[in-house]
Protein backbone atom coordinates (compact mmCIF):
# COMPACT_ATOMS: atom_id res chain seq x y z
CA UNK A 1 -2.52 -70.46 36.87
CA UNK A 2 -1.33 -72.70 39.73
CA UNK A 3 -2.49 -76.32 39.86
CA UNK A 4 -4.37 -76.90 43.10
CA UNK A 5 -5.36 -80.51 42.54
CA UNK A 6 -4.31 -82.66 45.55
CA UNK A 7 -0.96 -84.39 45.06
CA UNK A 8 -0.81 -88.14 45.53
CA UNK A 9 2.76 -89.33 46.09
CA UNK A 10 3.09 -92.76 44.47
CA UNK A 11 5.57 -95.27 45.95
CA UNK A 12 6.02 -96.57 42.34
CA UNK A 13 7.62 -93.29 41.30
CA UNK A 14 11.29 -93.19 42.52
CA UNK A 15 11.15 -89.45 43.23
CA UNK A 16 7.93 -89.83 45.10
CA UNK A 17 9.16 -92.91 46.97
CA UNK A 18 12.15 -90.96 48.25
CA UNK A 19 9.96 -88.08 49.33
CA UNK A 20 7.53 -90.43 51.05
CA UNK A 21 10.35 -92.03 53.01
CA UNK A 22 11.61 -88.72 54.18
CA UNK A 23 8.13 -87.42 55.07
CA UNK A 24 7.48 -90.51 57.15
CA UNK A 25 10.79 -90.48 59.02
CA UNK A 26 12.26 -87.00 59.28
CA UNK A 27 11.59 -85.29 62.54
CA UNK A 28 11.67 -81.66 61.39
CA UNK A 29 10.20 -79.89 58.41
CA UNK A 30 9.94 -76.14 57.68
CA UNK A 31 6.39 -74.89 57.37
CA UNK A 32 6.18 -71.78 55.29
CA UNK A 33 3.30 -69.35 55.24
CA UNK A 34 2.68 -65.77 54.00
CA UNK A 35 3.07 -63.25 56.82
CA UNK A 36 0.59 -60.45 57.37
CA UNK A 37 3.33 -58.13 56.08
CA UNK A 38 3.40 -60.06 52.74
CA UNK A 39 6.78 -61.62 53.39
CA UNK A 40 7.41 -65.39 53.74
CA UNK A 41 7.45 -66.79 57.25
CA UNK A 42 9.07 -70.20 57.81
CA UNK A 43 9.37 -72.12 61.04
CA UNK A 44 10.67 -75.59 61.98
CA UNK A 45 7.85 -77.97 62.95
CA UNK A 46 7.21 -81.51 63.94
CA UNK A 47 4.78 -83.05 61.45
CA UNK A 48 2.99 -86.34 60.78
CA UNK A 49 2.64 -87.49 57.23
CA UNK A 50 -0.39 -89.63 56.70
CA UNK A 51 -2.79 -90.18 53.75
CA UNK A 52 -1.04 -87.49 51.53
CA UNK A 53 -1.46 -84.85 54.28
CA UNK A 54 0.97 -83.35 56.80
CA UNK A 55 -0.50 -82.70 60.29
CA UNK A 56 1.25 -80.09 62.48
CA UNK A 57 0.34 -79.50 66.08
CA UNK A 58 0.78 -75.79 66.94
CA UNK A 59 0.27 -73.36 69.77
CA UNK A 60 -2.94 -71.59 68.91
CA UNK A 61 -1.40 -68.06 69.03
CA UNK A 62 1.55 -68.91 66.83
CA UNK A 63 2.25 -66.60 63.86
CA UNK A 64 1.91 -69.50 61.38
CA UNK A 65 -1.63 -70.16 62.65
CA UNK A 66 -2.58 -66.48 62.22
CA UNK A 67 -0.91 -66.39 58.82
CA UNK A 68 -2.69 -69.51 57.58
CA UNK A 69 -6.07 -68.31 58.74
CA UNK A 70 -5.53 -65.22 56.57
CA UNK A 71 -3.90 -66.92 53.59
CA UNK A 72 -3.94 -70.75 53.21
CA UNK A 73 -1.01 -70.90 50.69
CA UNK A 74 1.82 -72.75 52.34
CA UNK A 75 4.83 -74.97 51.84
CA UNK A 76 6.55 -77.80 53.71
CA UNK A 77 10.28 -77.92 53.13
CA UNK A 78 12.57 -80.73 54.34
CA UNK A 79 16.22 -80.16 55.19
CA UNK A 80 18.65 -80.54 52.28
CA UNK A 81 20.40 -83.62 53.67
CA UNK A 82 24.01 -84.21 54.68
CA UNK A 83 25.35 -83.25 51.29
CA UNK A 84 22.99 -80.31 50.69
CA UNK A 85 21.50 -81.78 47.53
CA UNK A 86 18.54 -83.81 48.82
CA UNK A 87 15.72 -81.34 48.22
CA UNK A 88 12.09 -81.96 48.86
CA UNK A 89 9.66 -79.05 48.93
CA UNK A 90 5.89 -79.40 48.89
CA UNK A 91 3.72 -76.53 47.85
CA UNK A 92 0.07 -76.52 48.83
CA UNK A 93 -2.57 -75.15 51.11
CA UNK A 94 -3.11 -75.46 54.86
CA UNK A 95 -6.19 -75.15 56.97
CA UNK A 96 -6.51 -74.74 60.69
CA UNK A 97 -8.77 -77.42 62.04
CA UNK A 98 -11.80 -76.25 64.06
CA UNK A 99 -11.19 -79.30 66.31
CA UNK A 100 -8.45 -79.20 69.00
CA UNK A 101 -5.54 -81.63 69.03
CA UNK A 102 -7.30 -83.83 71.56
CA UNK A 103 -10.09 -84.53 69.09
CA UNK A 104 -7.53 -85.79 66.58
CA UNK A 105 -5.86 -88.29 68.92
CA UNK A 106 -8.10 -91.21 67.96
CA UNK A 107 -7.23 -90.62 64.32
CA UNK A 108 -3.47 -89.80 64.44
CA UNK A 109 -2.34 -89.92 68.07
CA UNK A 110 -0.72 -93.37 67.94
CA UNK A 111 1.20 -92.56 64.80
CA UNK A 112 2.26 -89.19 66.12
CA UNK A 113 3.54 -90.79 69.34
CA UNK A 114 5.36 -93.46 67.41
CA UNK A 115 7.27 -90.75 65.51
CA UNK A 116 7.81 -88.30 68.37
CA UNK A 117 7.97 -90.14 71.70
CA UNK A 118 11.80 -89.89 71.63
CA UNK A 119 11.58 -86.15 70.97
CA UNK A 120 9.08 -85.63 73.76
CA UNK A 121 11.35 -87.63 76.05
CA UNK A 122 14.34 -85.44 75.13
CA UNK A 123 12.21 -82.36 76.05
CA UNK A 124 11.11 -84.01 79.27
CA UNK A 125 7.43 -83.64 78.19
CA UNK A 126 4.57 -85.97 78.73
CA UNK A 127 2.26 -86.37 75.71
CA UNK A 128 -0.44 -84.50 77.59
CA UNK A 129 1.73 -81.41 77.69
CA UNK A 130 2.04 -81.57 73.92
CA UNK A 131 -1.74 -81.94 73.40
CA UNK A 132 -2.44 -79.06 75.78
CA UNK A 133 0.26 -76.59 74.69
CA UNK A 134 0.02 -77.44 71.00
CA UNK A 135 -3.73 -77.60 70.90
CA UNK A 136 -4.27 -76.41 67.34
CA UNK A 137 -3.97 -78.75 64.32
CA UNK A 138 -2.78 -77.41 60.98
CA UNK A 139 -3.63 -79.67 57.98
CA UNK A 140 -1.27 -79.21 55.06
CA UNK A 141 -2.40 -80.57 51.71
CA UNK A 142 0.29 -80.49 49.02
CA UNK A 143 -0.40 -79.70 45.36
CA UNK A 144 3.14 -79.86 43.98
CA UNK A 145 6.41 -81.62 44.76
CA UNK A 146 9.67 -79.98 43.94
CA UNK A 147 12.56 -82.39 44.35
CA UNK A 148 16.04 -83.17 43.18
């Protein structure tokens, strides 16, 4: 049986501290879901790590949103680092918020912009475009950390 208790990453644990630093600073993570065909589906996403949760803004018709509505089992995988041996994979569940991105801005908008303003600038996007195009919020709650 899989442990589904929420995972709290402690900064006092060296493995957790390294994962927390990467979750707070890395721009891209890979969100994995179970496709309707039963096969894994993974896509690169921008995410905000806050209070032991990863928030992902998504286009509402994206496959990951459809997949997570059907099956909440998910994973968030960070890149392997420059040497290929810096692995951080979080297993957990994800839910699609019934509230649109704009309803979340008071709670996480400032932190999201602090992390992604440079990325939005590279794309030539105003924040309002992000909120409108990526109007769905996926809330990923990890249960397990796999790291080495």
